[in-house]
Amino acid sequence: MNSKGNVPSAAKPVKDLGGLMRWRKYVKCHYSQKHYVFFILALDTGIAPGKLLKLTWEQIENQTIFDPVSGEQLEMTLLRLLELTKAGNKKLIKISDEDAQEIKQLRAGMVDDVYLFQTETRRLSGIAQPWSQGYVTAFLKESAASSGLQEKVGFLTLQKTWGYQLAVRGNYTLSEIQRILGQRSLAATRSYLNITDEDVQ
């Protein structure tokens, strides 16, 4: 079930911020940089994990803008997502400086890869393939359990955690998150993010 459905999957958001930070640190310390980049992009942007797996290096843009306040040239890293519309609309998502640095370091070691999260298959078959959903789900479950998390973790946990943390900390309204996720109702978003009245209060 994707984020547009009304019935939540078994995956739950991580509600405890301390536990979330331990999980993030565990992934950074015990997994490859590619695993860590997937983790932080999913957690920090809210991009659906299925779309993340299909990201190619051609979709990463670096732009330089002039900051009128500081008078300096600032470099931004953007993800260019092609939305699934008849018009083929593009959606640009700004990446934080910290995440952008991790992406640049990953690229330095993956200069021949097509996908950000590419398997080793190409070295054997000559065909570039991204990680599978099953592979990512196993990685998330294993790393969460090893870091001491008790929540039921699955393929959609990081996107749900992104939405949950934004909603309960007041960064975004539930209506804004609903619109970003493309869901049909506030009730569906509350269910998807496992948000209760107590969480919002």
N, C-alpha and C. Protein backbone atom coordinates (compact mmCIF):
# COMPACT_ATOMS: atom_id res chain seq x y z
N MET A 1 0.85 -1.20 0.00
CA MET A 1 0.00 0.00 0.00
C MET A 1 0.88 1.24 0.00
N ASN A 2 0.65 2.15 -0.95
CA ASN A 2 1.48 3.36 -0.99
C ASN A 2 0.85 4.47 -0.17
N SER A 3 1.52 5.64 -0.19
CA SER A 3 1.09 6.73 0.66
C SER A 3 -0.24 7.33 0.25
N LYS A 4 -0.77 6.96 -0.93
CA LYS A 4 -2.03 7.53 -1.36
C LYS A 4 -3.22 6.68 -0.92
N GLY A 5 -2.96 5.53 -0.36
CA GLY A 5 -4.05 4.67 0.07
C GLY A 5 -4.64 5.12 1.38
N ASN A 6 -5.79 4.56 1.70
CA ASN A 6 -6.47 4.91 2.94
C ASN A 6 -6.13 3.97 4.08
N VAL A 7 -5.59 2.82 3.77
CA VAL A 7 -5.30 1.83 4.79
C VAL A 7 -3.80 1.82 5.06
N PRO A 8 -3.38 2.12 6.29
CA PRO A 8 -1.96 2.17 6.58
C PRO A 8 -1.34 0.79 6.54
N SER A 9 -0.08 0.73 6.14
CA SER A 9 0.61 -0.55 6.16
C SER A 9 1.05 -0.85 7.58
N ALA A 10 1.66 -2.01 7.77
CA ALA A 10 2.10 -2.40 9.11
C ALA A 10 3.21 -1.50 9.64
N ALA A 11 3.93 -0.83 8.74
CA ALA A 11 5.02 0.04 9.17
C ALA A 11 4.49 1.21 9.97
N LYS A 12 5.18 1.55 11.05
CA LYS A 12 4.79 2.66 11.91
C LYS A 12 5.85 3.75 11.88
N PRO A 13 5.45 5.01 12.16
CA PRO A 13 6.46 6.06 12.29
C PRO A 13 7.21 5.91 13.60
N VAL A 14 8.42 6.42 13.65
CA VAL A 14 9.17 6.46 14.90
C VAL A 14 8.80 7.75 15.61
N LYS A 15 8.13 7.63 16.75
CA LYS A 15 7.63 8.81 17.45
C LYS A 15 8.64 9.38 18.44
N ASP A 16 9.48 8.52 18.99
CA ASP A 16 10.47 8.96 19.98
C ASP A 16 11.68 9.55 19.27
N LEU A 17 11.92 10.85 19.48
CA LEU A 17 13.01 11.53 18.77
C LEU A 17 14.37 10.98 19.18
N GLY A 18 14.52 10.63 20.45
CA GLY A 18 15.79 10.05 20.90
C GLY A 18 16.08 8.73 20.22
N GLY A 19 15.06 7.89 20.12
CA GLY A 19 15.22 6.61 19.43
C GLY A 19 15.54 6.79 17.97
N LEU A 20 14.92 7.80 17.35
CA LEU A 20 15.17 8.08 15.94
C LEU A 20 16.61 8.50 15.71
N MET A 21 17.14 9.35 16.60
CA MET A 21 18.52 9.80 16.47
C MET A 21 19.51 8.65 16.69
N ARG A 22 19.18 7.74 17.59
CA ARG A 22 20.05 6.56 17.80
C ARG A 22 20.06 5.68 16.56
N TRP A 23 18.90 5.52 15.94
CA TRP A 23 18.80 4.72 14.72
C TRP A 23 19.62 5.35 13.61
N ARG A 24 19.48 6.66 13.44
CA ARG A 24 20.24 7.37 12.41
C ARG A 24 21.75 7.22 12.63
N LYS A 25 22.17 7.40 13.87
CA LYS A 25 23.59 7.27 14.18
C LYS A 25 24.08 5.85 13.94
N TYR A 26 23.24 4.86 14.27
CA TYR A 26 23.63 3.46 14.07
C TYR A 26 23.86 3.17 12.58
N VAL A 27 22.95 3.67 11.74
CA VAL A 27 23.10 3.45 10.30
C VAL A 27 24.38 4.10 9.79
N LYS A 28 24.65 5.32 10.26
CA LYS A 28 25.86 6.02 9.82
C LYS A 28 27.12 5.28 10.21
N CYS A 29 27.12 4.68 11.40
CA CYS A 29 28.33 4.03 11.92
C CYS A 29 28.51 2.59 11.45
N HIS A 30 27.43 1.90 11.11
CA HIS A 30 27.52 0.46 10.85
C HIS A 30 27.16 0.04 9.43
N TYR A 31 26.72 0.98 8.59
CA TYR A 31 26.36 0.64 7.22
C TYR A 31 27.17 1.50 6.26
N SER A 32 27.06 1.19 4.98
CA SER A 32 27.80 1.95 3.97
C SER A 32 27.23 3.35 3.83
N GLN A 33 28.00 4.22 3.18
CA GLN A 33 27.53 5.58 2.96
C GLN A 33 26.28 5.59 2.09
N LYS A 34 26.18 4.65 1.17
CA LYS A 34 25.00 4.58 0.31
C LYS A 34 23.74 4.31 1.15
N HIS A 35 23.86 3.40 2.11
CA HIS A 35 22.74 3.12 3.00
C HIS A 35 22.37 4.38 3.80
N TYR A 36 23.39 5.07 4.28
CA TYR A 36 23.14 6.26 5.10
C TYR A 36 22.48 7.36 4.27
N VAL A 37 22.91 7.54 3.03
CA VAL A 37 22.31 8.56 2.17
C VAL A 37 20.85 8.23 1.91
N PHE A 38 20.54 6.97 1.67
CA PHE A 38 19.12 6.60 1.49
C PHE A 38 18.34 6.96 2.75
N PHE A 39 18.88 6.62 3.89
CA PHE A 39 18.20 6.86 5.17
C PHE A 39 17.91 8.34 5.36
N ILE A 40 18.92 9.20 5.19
CA ILE A 40 18.72 10.62 5.48
C ILE A 40 17.85 11.30 4.42
N LEU A 41 17.95 10.88 3.17
CA LEU A 41 17.09 11.48 2.15
C LEU A 41 15.62 11.14 2.41
N ALA A 42 15.36 9.89 2.76
CA ALA A 42 13.99 9.47 3.05
C ALA A 42 13.46 10.20 4.28
N LEU A 43 14.29 10.32 5.29
CA LEU A 43 13.87 10.92 6.55
C LEU A 43 13.77 12.44 6.47
N ASP A 44 14.65 13.08 5.73
CA ASP A 44 14.72 14.54 5.72
C ASP A 44 13.86 15.19 4.63
N THR A 45 13.44 14.42 3.61
CA THR A 45 12.67 15.02 2.52
C THR A 45 11.23 14.51 2.45
N GLY A 46 10.96 13.33 2.99
CA GLY A 46 9.62 12.76 2.89
C GLY A 46 9.32 12.17 1.52
N ILE A 47 10.31 12.07 0.66
CA ILE A 47 10.09 11.47 -0.66
C ILE A 47 9.73 10.00 -0.46
N ALA A 48 8.74 9.53 -1.19
CA ALA A 48 8.33 8.13 -1.10
C ALA A 48 9.52 7.24 -1.41
N PRO A 49 9.74 6.19 -0.62
CA PRO A 49 10.92 5.34 -0.84
C PRO A 49 10.98 4.71 -2.23
N GLY A 50 9.82 4.43 -2.82
CA GLY A 50 9.83 3.88 -4.18
C GLY A 50 10.41 4.85 -5.19
N LYS A 51 10.15 6.16 -4.99
CA LYS A 51 10.72 7.18 -5.87
C LYS A 51 12.21 7.34 -5.61
N LEU A 52 12.60 7.25 -4.36
CA LEU A 52 14.03 7.36 -4.04
C LEU A 52 14.84 6.27 -4.73
N LEU A 53 14.30 5.07 -4.76
CA LEU A 53 15.03 3.96 -5.37
C LEU A 53 15.25 4.18 -6.86
N LYS A 54 14.39 4.95 -7.49
CA LYS A 54 14.50 5.19 -8.93
C LYS A 54 15.32 6.43 -9.27
N LEU A 55 15.81 7.14 -8.25
CA LEU A 55 16.59 8.35 -8.50
C LEU A 55 17.87 8.04 -9.26
N THR A 56 18.13 8.81 -10.29
CA THR A 56 19.39 8.68 -11.02
C THR A 56 20.26 9.89 -10.70
N TRP A 57 21.54 9.74 -10.99
CA TRP A 57 22.47 10.85 -10.73
C TRP A 57 22.16 12.06 -11.60
N GLU A 58 21.51 11.84 -12.74
CA GLU A 58 21.13 12.95 -13.61
C GLU A 58 20.07 13.85 -12.98
N GLN A 59 19.39 13.34 -11.96
CA GLN A 59 18.34 14.11 -11.30
C GLN A 59 18.87 14.99 -10.16
N ILE A 60 20.17 14.93 -9.93
CA ILE A 60 20.78 15.78 -8.91
C ILE A 60 21.29 17.05 -9.58
N GLU A 61 20.84 18.19 -9.11
CA GLU A 61 21.25 19.47 -9.69
C GLU A 61 21.97 20.31 -8.65
N ASN A 62 23.01 20.97 -9.05
CA ASN A 62 23.67 21.96 -8.21
C ASN A 62 23.45 23.33 -8.84
N GLN A 63 22.92 24.23 -8.04
CA GLN A 63 22.67 25.58 -8.52
C GLN A 63 23.34 26.58 -7.60
N THR A 64 23.79 27.67 -8.19
CA THR A 64 24.40 28.75 -7.41
C THR A 64 23.48 29.96 -7.48
N ILE A 65 23.14 30.52 -6.31
CA ILE A 65 22.27 31.70 -6.27
C ILE A 65 22.98 32.82 -5.50
N PHE A 66 22.54 34.04 -5.78
CA PHE A 66 23.09 35.20 -5.08
C PHE A 66 22.21 35.52 -3.89
N ASP A 67 22.81 35.59 -2.70
CA ASP A 67 22.09 35.94 -1.48
C ASP A 67 22.19 37.45 -1.27
N PRO A 68 21.10 38.19 -1.45
CA PRO A 68 21.16 39.65 -1.33
C PRO A 68 21.46 40.12 0.10
N VAL A 69 21.21 39.26 1.08
CA VAL A 69 21.46 39.65 2.47
C VAL A 69 22.95 39.61 2.79
N SER A 70 23.58 38.48 2.47
CA SER A 70 25.01 38.32 2.78
C SER A 70 25.90 38.83 1.66
N GLY A 71 25.33 38.95 0.46
CA GLY A 71 26.13 39.37 -0.68
C GLY A 71 27.03 38.26 -1.21
N GLU A 72 26.74 37.01 -0.83
CA GLU A 72 27.57 35.88 -1.23
C GLU A 72 26.84 34.99 -2.23
N GLN A 73 27.63 34.22 -2.95
CA GLN A 73 27.09 33.20 -3.83
C GLN A 73 26.88 31.92 -3.01
N LEU A 74 25.68 31.41 -3.03
CA LEU A 74 25.36 30.21 -2.26
C LEU A 74 25.07 29.05 -3.20
N GLU A 75 25.61 27.90 -2.88
CA GLU A 75 25.37 26.72 -3.69
C GLU A 75 24.27 25.87 -3.07
N MET A 76 23.31 25.47 -3.89
CA MET A 76 22.23 24.61 -3.43
C MET A 76 22.25 23.30 -4.20
N THR A 77 21.88 22.23 -3.52
CA THR A 77 21.73 20.93 -4.18
C THR A 77 20.24 20.61 -4.23
N LEU A 78 19.77 20.28 -5.42
CA LEU A 78 18.34 20.02 -5.62
C LEU A 78 18.14 18.65 -6.22
N LEU A 79 17.02 18.03 -5.86
CA LEU A 79 16.58 16.80 -6.51
C LEU A 79 15.49 17.19 -7.50
N ARG A 80 15.61 16.75 -8.72
CA ARG A 80 14.61 17.02 -9.74
C ARG A 80 13.76 15.77 -9.93
N LEU A 81 12.55 15.83 -9.43
CA LEU A 81 11.64 14.69 -9.54
C LEU A 81 10.64 14.94 -10.65
N LEU A 82 10.42 13.95 -11.49
CA LEU A 82 9.39 14.04 -12.52
C LEU A 82 8.10 13.50 -11.93
N GLU A 83 7.12 14.39 -11.77
CA GLU A 83 5.85 13.97 -11.21
C GLU A 83 5.07 13.16 -12.25
N LEU A 84 4.30 12.22 -11.75
CA LEU A 84 3.55 11.34 -12.65
C LEU A 84 2.26 12.04 -13.11
N THR A 85 2.41 13.04 -13.95
CA THR A 85 1.27 13.76 -14.50
C THR A 85 1.38 13.75 -16.03
N LYS A 86 0.25 14.01 -16.67
CA LYS A 86 0.26 14.03 -18.14
C LYS A 86 1.19 15.13 -18.67
N ALA A 87 1.29 16.22 -17.90
CA ALA A 87 2.14 17.33 -18.34
C ALA A 87 3.61 17.07 -18.06
N GLY A 88 3.91 16.01 -17.30
CA GLY A 88 5.30 15.72 -16.98
C GLY A 88 5.93 16.79 -16.13
N ASN A 89 5.17 17.31 -15.17
CA ASN A 89 5.68 18.39 -14.33
C ASN A 89 6.92 17.97 -13.55
N LYS A 90 7.79 18.94 -13.32
CA LYS A 90 8.99 18.70 -12.53
C LYS A 90 8.81 19.27 -11.13
N LYS A 91 9.36 18.58 -10.16
CA LYS A 91 9.30 19.04 -8.78
C LYS A 91 10.73 19.11 -8.26
N LEU A 92 11.13 20.29 -7.80
CA LEU A 92 12.47 20.47 -7.27
C LEU A 92 12.41 20.45 -5.74
N ILE A 93 13.26 19.64 -5.14
CA ILE A 93 13.31 19.53 -3.68
C ILE A 93 14.71 19.93 -3.23
N LYS A 94 14.79 20.95 -2.37
CA LYS A 94 16.08 21.41 -1.87
C LYS A 94 16.60 20.44 -0.81
N ILE A 95 17.86 20.11 -0.93
CA ILE A 95 18.52 19.21 0.01
C ILE A 95 19.32 20.03 1.00
N SER A 96 19.29 19.64 2.26
CA SER A 96 20.06 20.38 3.27
C SER A 96 21.55 20.30 2.95
N ASP A 97 22.32 21.26 3.44
CA ASP A 97 23.76 21.28 3.18
C ASP A 97 24.44 20.01 3.69
N GLU A 98 24.01 19.53 4.86
CA GLU A 98 24.60 18.31 5.42
C GLU A 98 24.33 17.10 4.53
N ASP A 99 23.09 16.98 4.08
CA ASP A 99 22.74 15.85 3.21
C ASP A 99 23.43 15.97 1.85
N ALA A 100 23.53 17.21 1.34
CA ALA A 100 24.19 17.43 0.06
C ALA A 100 25.66 17.01 0.11
N GLN A 101 26.32 17.26 1.23
CA GLN A 101 27.72 16.86 1.38
C GLN A 101 27.86 15.35 1.33
N GLU A 102 26.94 14.65 1.97
CA GLU A 102 26.96 13.18 1.94
C GLU A 102 26.75 12.67 0.51
N ILE A 103 25.85 13.32 -0.23
CA ILE A 103 25.58 12.92 -1.61
C ILE A 103 26.82 13.12 -2.48
N LYS A 104 27.51 14.23 -2.29
CA LYS A 104 28.72 14.51 -3.08
C LYS A 104 29.81 13.48 -2.79
N GLN A 105 29.96 13.12 -1.52
CA GLN A 105 30.95 12.11 -1.16
C GLN A 105 30.60 10.76 -1.76
N LEU A 106 29.31 10.43 -1.76
CA LEU A 106 28.86 9.17 -2.35
C LEU A 106 29.15 9.16 -3.84
N ARG A 107 28.90 10.27 -4.51
CA ARG A 107 29.11 10.34 -5.95
C ARG A 107 30.57 10.12 -6.32
N ALA A 108 31.46 10.61 -5.48
CA ALA A 108 32.89 10.48 -5.76
C ALA A 108 33.31 9.02 -5.86
N GLY A 109 32.62 8.16 -5.15
CA GLY A 109 32.96 6.74 -5.19
C GLY A 109 32.08 5.92 -6.11
N MET A 110 31.11 6.58 -6.76
CA MET A 110 30.16 5.86 -7.61
C MET A 110 30.04 6.53 -8.98
N VAL A 111 31.16 6.95 -9.55
CA VAL A 111 31.13 7.77 -10.75
C VAL A 111 30.51 7.06 -11.95
N ASP A 112 30.52 5.73 -11.97
CA ASP A 112 29.98 5.00 -13.11
C ASP A 112 28.54 4.55 -12.92
N ASP A 113 27.99 4.79 -11.74
CA ASP A 113 26.64 4.33 -11.45
C ASP A 113 25.58 5.21 -12.11
N VAL A 114 24.47 4.61 -12.46
CA VAL A 114 23.33 5.33 -13.02
C VAL A 114 22.40 5.79 -11.90
N TYR A 115 22.11 4.87 -10.98
CA TYR A 115 21.21 5.16 -9.87
C TYR A 115 21.99 5.53 -8.61
N LEU A 116 21.39 6.36 -7.78
CA LEU A 116 22.02 6.67 -6.49
C LEU A 116 22.15 5.40 -5.66
N PHE A 117 21.11 4.57 -5.73
CA PHE A 117 21.08 3.37 -4.89
C PHE A 117 21.10 2.13 -5.78
N GLN A 118 22.23 1.96 -6.44
CA GLN A 118 22.40 0.92 -7.44
C GLN A 118 22.95 -0.36 -6.81
N THR A 119 22.45 -1.47 -7.31
CA THR A 119 22.96 -2.77 -6.85
C THR A 119 24.28 -3.08 -7.54
N GLU A 120 24.86 -4.19 -7.15
CA GLU A 120 26.09 -4.65 -7.79
C GLU A 120 25.80 -5.43 -9.05
N THR A 121 24.52 -5.54 -9.44
CA THR A 121 24.10 -6.37 -10.57
C THR A 121 24.80 -6.00 -11.86
N ARG A 122 25.03 -4.70 -12.08
CA ARG A 122 25.60 -4.26 -13.35
C ARG A 122 26.97 -4.86 -13.59
N ARG A 123 27.71 -5.04 -12.51
CA ARG A 123 29.05 -5.61 -12.66
C ARG A 123 29.00 -7.05 -13.15
N LEU A 124 27.85 -7.68 -12.93
CA LEU A 124 27.70 -9.08 -13.36
C LEU A 124 26.96 -9.20 -14.68
N SER A 125 25.91 -8.38 -14.87
CA SER A 125 25.07 -8.52 -16.06
C SER A 125 25.23 -7.38 -17.07
N GLY A 126 25.84 -6.28 -16.64
CA GLY A 126 25.97 -5.14 -17.52
C GLY A 126 24.75 -4.23 -17.50
N ILE A 127 23.72 -4.56 -16.70
CA ILE A 127 22.51 -3.77 -16.63
C ILE A 127 22.40 -3.10 -15.27
N ALA A 128 22.24 -1.78 -15.27
CA ALA A 128 22.12 -1.04 -14.01
C ALA A 128 20.75 -1.28 -13.40
N GLN A 129 20.72 -1.62 -12.12
CA GLN A 129 19.47 -1.85 -11.40
C GLN A 129 19.53 -1.17 -10.04
N PRO A 130 18.43 -0.53 -9.62
CA PRO A 130 18.40 0.04 -8.26
C PRO A 130 18.10 -1.05 -7.23
N TRP A 131 18.32 -0.73 -5.98
CA TRP A 131 17.95 -1.64 -4.91
C TRP A 131 16.47 -2.02 -5.03
N SER A 132 16.14 -3.17 -4.52
CA SER A 132 14.74 -3.61 -4.51
C SER A 132 14.06 -3.17 -3.22
N GLN A 133 12.75 -3.17 -3.23
CA GLN A 133 11.98 -2.83 -2.03
C GLN A 133 12.28 -3.82 -0.91
N GLY A 134 12.41 -5.09 -1.26
CA GLY A 134 12.71 -6.11 -0.25
C GLY A 134 14.06 -5.88 0.41
N TYR A 135 15.05 -5.48 -0.38
CA TYR A 135 16.38 -5.22 0.17
C TYR A 135 16.33 -4.06 1.16
N VAL A 136 15.64 -2.98 0.78
CA VAL A 136 15.56 -1.80 1.64
C VAL A 136 14.79 -2.12 2.92
N THR A 137 13.70 -2.85 2.78
CA THR A 137 12.91 -3.22 3.96
C THR A 137 13.74 -4.02 4.95
N ALA A 138 14.51 -4.97 4.43
CA ALA A 138 15.36 -5.79 5.31
C ALA A 138 16.41 -4.92 6.00
N PHE A 139 17.01 -4.01 5.25
CA PHE A 139 18.02 -3.10 5.82
C PHE A 139 17.43 -2.26 6.94
N LEU A 140 16.25 -1.71 6.71
CA LEU A 140 15.61 -0.86 7.72
C LEU A 140 15.25 -1.66 8.97
N LYS A 141 14.70 -2.84 8.78
CA LYS A 141 14.31 -3.67 9.92
C LYS A 141 15.53 -4.10 10.74
N GLU A 142 16.57 -4.53 10.05
CA GLU A 142 17.77 -5.00 10.75
C GLU A 142 18.45 -3.87 11.51
N SER A 143 18.59 -2.71 10.87
CA SER A 143 19.28 -1.60 11.53
C SER A 143 18.44 -1.04 12.69
N ALA A 144 17.13 -1.00 12.53
CA ALA A 144 16.27 -0.51 13.61
C ALA A 144 16.35 -1.43 14.82
N ALA A 145 16.27 -2.73 14.59
CA ALA A 145 16.33 -3.68 15.70
C ALA A 145 17.68 -3.61 16.40
N SER A 146 18.75 -3.48 15.63
CA SER A 146 20.09 -3.43 16.21
C SER A 146 20.32 -2.14 17.00
N SER A 147 19.61 -1.08 16.64
CA SER A 147 19.76 0.19 17.36
C SER A 147 18.86 0.26 18.59
N GLY A 148 18.01 -0.76 18.78
CA GLY A 148 17.16 -0.81 19.96
C GLY A 148 15.76 -0.28 19.79
N LEU A 149 15.35 0.02 18.56
CA LEU A 149 13.99 0.52 18.34
C LEU A 149 12.97 -0.59 18.56
N GLN A 150 11.84 -0.21 19.14
CA GLN A 150 10.78 -1.17 19.40
C GLN A 150 9.65 -1.08 18.36
N GLU A 151 9.59 0.01 17.60
CA GLU A 151 8.51 0.21 16.63
C GLU A 151 8.57 -0.84 15.53
N LYS A 152 7.41 -1.08 14.91
CA LYS A 152 7.34 -2.00 13.79
C LYS A 152 7.80 -1.25 12.54
N VAL A 153 8.96 -1.59 12.06
CA VAL A 153 9.59 -0.87 10.96
C VAL A 153 9.33 -1.59 9.64
N GLY A 154 9.11 -0.82 8.59
CA GLY A 154 8.91 -1.37 7.26
C GLY A 154 9.37 -0.40 6.19
N PHE A 155 9.01 -0.69 4.95
CA PHE A 155 9.46 0.09 3.80
C PHE A 155 9.06 1.56 3.90
N LEU A 156 7.90 1.86 4.49
CA LEU A 156 7.38 3.23 4.53
C LEU A 156 7.67 3.96 5.84
N THR A 157 8.40 3.34 6.75
CA THR A 157 8.61 3.93 8.07
C THR A 157 9.25 5.31 8.02
N LEU A 158 10.25 5.50 7.18
CA LEU A 158 10.96 6.78 7.17
C LEU A 158 10.07 7.90 6.64
N GLN A 159 9.26 7.64 5.62
CA GLN A 159 8.35 8.67 5.13
C GLN A 159 7.30 8.99 6.20
N LYS A 160 6.79 7.96 6.86
CA LYS A 160 5.80 8.19 7.92
C LYS A 160 6.42 8.95 9.09
N THR A 161 7.66 8.65 9.40
CA THR A 161 8.35 9.35 10.48
C THR A 161 8.55 10.82 10.13
N TRP A 162 8.93 11.09 8.89
CA TRP A 162 9.07 12.47 8.40
C TRP A 162 7.78 13.23 8.62
N GLY A 163 6.65 12.69 8.16
CA GLY A 163 5.37 13.36 8.29
C GLY A 163 4.93 13.52 9.74
N TYR A 164 5.13 12.48 10.51
CA TYR A 164 4.73 12.52 11.92
C TYR A 164 5.50 13.60 12.68
N GLN A 165 6.81 13.61 12.52
CA GLN A 165 7.64 14.57 13.26
C GLN A 165 7.33 16.01 12.86
N LEU A 166 7.06 16.25 11.57
CA LEU A 166 6.70 17.60 11.13
C LEU A 166 5.37 18.03 11.74
N ALA A 167 4.42 17.10 11.77
CA ALA A 167 3.08 17.43 12.25
C ALA A 167 3.08 17.72 13.75
N VAL A 168 3.70 16.87 14.54
CA VAL A 168 3.61 17.03 15.99
C VAL A 168 4.51 18.15 16.50
N ARG A 169 5.51 18.55 15.73
CA ARG A 169 6.40 19.63 16.16
C ARG A 169 5.99 20.97 15.57
N GLY A 170 4.89 20.99 14.82
CA GLY A 170 4.34 22.25 14.36
C GLY A 170 5.02 22.86 13.16
N ASN A 171 5.92 22.13 12.50
CA ASN A 171 6.59 22.68 11.32
C ASN A 171 5.62 22.83 10.14
N TYR A 172 4.73 21.88 10.02
CA TYR A 172 3.73 21.89 8.96
C TYR A 172 2.37 21.55 9.56
N THR A 173 1.32 22.05 8.94
CA THR A 173 -0.01 21.64 9.36
C THR A 173 -0.30 20.28 8.73
N LEU A 174 -1.27 19.59 9.30
CA LEU A 174 -1.64 18.29 8.76
C LEU A 174 -2.17 18.43 7.33
N SER A 175 -2.83 19.55 7.05
CA SER A 175 -3.34 19.79 5.69
C SER A 175 -2.20 19.92 4.69
N GLU A 176 -1.12 20.59 5.09
CA GLU A 176 0.04 20.73 4.20
C GLU A 176 0.70 19.38 3.94
N ILE A 177 0.81 18.58 4.98
CA ILE A 177 1.40 17.25 4.82
C ILE A 177 0.52 16.38 3.94
N GLN A 178 -0.79 16.49 4.12
CA GLN A 178 -1.74 15.75 3.28
C GLN A 178 -1.52 16.08 1.81
N ARG A 179 -1.35 17.39 1.53
CA ARG A 179 -1.16 17.83 0.14
C ARG A 179 0.16 17.31 -0.42
N ILE A 180 1.22 17.34 0.37
CA ILE A 180 2.53 16.86 -0.09
C ILE A 180 2.47 15.37 -0.40
N LEU A 181 1.79 14.62 0.47
CA LEU A 181 1.70 13.17 0.28
C LEU A 181 0.69 12.78 -0.80
N GLY A 182 -0.17 13.72 -1.18
CA GLY A 182 -1.15 13.44 -2.22
C GLY A 182 -2.29 12.56 -1.75
N GLN A 183 -2.64 12.68 -0.48
CA GLN A 183 -3.71 11.84 0.05
C GLN A 183 -5.06 12.55 -0.05
N ARG A 184 -6.13 11.75 0.01
CA ARG A 184 -7.46 12.26 -0.29
C ARG A 184 -8.14 12.98 0.86
N SER A 185 -7.73 12.70 2.08
CA SER A 185 -8.41 13.31 3.22
C SER A 185 -7.46 13.44 4.40
N LEU A 186 -7.82 14.32 5.34
CA LEU A 186 -7.04 14.46 6.57
C LEU A 186 -7.10 13.18 7.39
N ALA A 187 -8.24 12.51 7.34
CA ALA A 187 -8.39 11.26 8.09
C ALA A 187 -7.39 10.22 7.58
N ALA A 188 -7.21 10.16 6.25
CA ALA A 188 -6.27 9.20 5.68
C ALA A 188 -4.84 9.54 6.10
N THR A 189 -4.52 10.84 6.15
CA THR A 189 -3.17 11.26 6.54
C THR A 189 -2.92 10.94 8.01
N ARG A 190 -3.91 11.23 8.86
CA ARG A 190 -3.77 10.91 10.29
C ARG A 190 -3.56 9.42 10.49
N SER A 191 -4.29 8.62 9.74
CA SER A 191 -4.16 7.17 9.85
C SER A 191 -2.80 6.70 9.34
N TYR A 192 -2.39 7.24 8.21
CA TYR A 192 -1.10 6.86 7.60
C TYR A 192 0.06 7.19 8.53
N LEU A 193 -0.01 8.35 9.18
CA LEU A 193 1.07 8.79 10.07
C LEU A 193 0.87 8.32 11.52
N ASN A 194 -0.24 7.63 11.76
CA ASN A 194 -0.54 7.11 13.10
C ASN A 194 -0.55 8.24 14.14
N ILE A 195 -1.20 9.36 13.78
CA ILE A 195 -1.26 10.52 14.66
C ILE A 195 -2.56 10.50 15.46
N THR A 196 -2.46 10.64 16.76
CA THR A 196 -3.62 10.71 17.64
C THR A 196 -3.82 12.15 18.11
N ASP A 197 -4.98 12.42 18.72
CA ASP A 197 -5.22 13.76 19.29
C ASP A 197 -4.17 14.08 20.35
N GLU A 198 -3.77 13.07 21.09
CA GLU A 198 -2.76 13.27 22.13
C GLU A 198 -1.42 13.67 21.52
N ASP A 199 -1.08 13.09 20.38
CA ASP A 199 0.18 13.46 19.71
C ASP A 199 0.18 14.93 19.32
N VAL A 200 -0.93 15.40 18.75
CA VAL A 200 -1.02 16.78 18.27
C VAL A 200 -0.97 17.76 19.44
N GLN A 201 -1.64 17.42 20.52
CA GLN A 201 -1.62 18.28 21.71
C GLN A 201 -0.25 18.34 22.34
